[in-house]
Protein backbone atom coordinates (compact mmCIF):
# COMPACT_ATOMS: atom_id res chain seq x y z
CA UNK A 1 44.20 -39.14 -14.93
CA UNK A 2 43.29 -42.34 -16.73
CA UNK A 3 43.58 -42.04 -20.55
CA UNK A 4 42.22 -44.85 -22.82
CA UNK A 5 44.58 -45.86 -25.30
CA UNK A 6 41.37 -46.58 -27.78
CA UNK A 7 40.55 -43.19 -27.96
CA UNK A 8 44.19 -42.02 -28.61
CA UNK A 9 43.99 -40.13 -32.11
CA UNK A 10 47.15 -41.46 -33.59
CA UNK A 11 46.63 -39.81 -37.04
CA UNK A 12 46.38 -36.30 -35.18
CA UNK A 13 49.91 -36.97 -33.27
CA UNK A 14 51.49 -38.54 -36.72
CA UNK A 15 50.29 -35.34 -38.62
CA UNK A 16 51.81 -32.87 -36.01
CA UNK A 17 54.91 -34.50 -35.94
CA UNK A 18 55.07 -34.34 -39.68
CA UNK A 19 54.25 -30.72 -39.40
CA UNK A 20 57.00 -29.98 -36.57
CA UNK A 21 59.60 -32.02 -38.78
CA UNK A 22 58.73 -29.78 -41.81
CA UNK A 23 58.98 -26.55 -39.79
CA UNK A 24 62.32 -27.59 -38.36
CA UNK A 25 63.83 -28.86 -41.51
CA UNK A 26 62.54 -25.18 -43.22
CA UNK A 27 64.21 -23.27 -40.63
CA UNK A 28 67.32 -25.40 -40.88
CA UNK A 29 67.63 -24.90 -44.59
CA UNK A 30 66.89 -21.15 -44.17
CA UNK A 31 69.64 -20.90 -41.60
CA UNK A 32 72.12 -22.87 -43.71
CA UNK A 33 71.41 -20.77 -46.70
CA UNK A 34 71.71 -17.37 -44.64
CA UNK A 35 75.27 -18.76 -43.40
CA UNK A 36 76.25 -19.63 -47.08
CA UNK A 37 75.07 -16.24 -48.35
CA UNK A 38 77.11 -14.35 -45.22
CA UNK A 39 80.07 -16.59 -46.06
CA UNK A 40 80.28 -15.80 -49.61
CA UNK A 41 79.47 -11.90 -49.53
CA UNK A 42 81.60 -11.25 -46.41
CA UNK A 43 84.72 -8.80 -47.05
CA UNK A 44 87.00 -11.45 -45.58
CA UNK A 45 87.74 -13.15 -49.28
CA UNK A 46 90.30 -11.39 -51.33
CA UNK A 47 90.20 -11.96 -55.12
CA UNK A 48 93.38 -10.21 -55.49
CA UNK A 49 95.45 -12.28 -53.68
CA UNK A 50 99.27 -12.67 -55.26
CA UNK A 51 100.08 -15.84 -57.12
CA UNK A 52 102.09 -18.19 -55.13
CA UNK A 53 104.89 -20.55 -57.06
CA UNK A 54 106.87 -20.09 -60.16
CA UNK A 55 105.49 -18.28 -63.50
CA UNK A 56 104.42 -20.58 -66.23
CA UNK A 57 106.61 -18.82 -68.66
């Protein structure tokens, strides 16, 4: 196949690249938020951990 570089629609490909980048970033942020939420709501954290060290009084 012989493609003529003058007929290449660069605006289409640039817009397509921006769209793909937006979709990738949106998916990455969504995944990161889900991981943060899962970490914060996991049962592995304990808030009733005993204090260590000497008492202040």
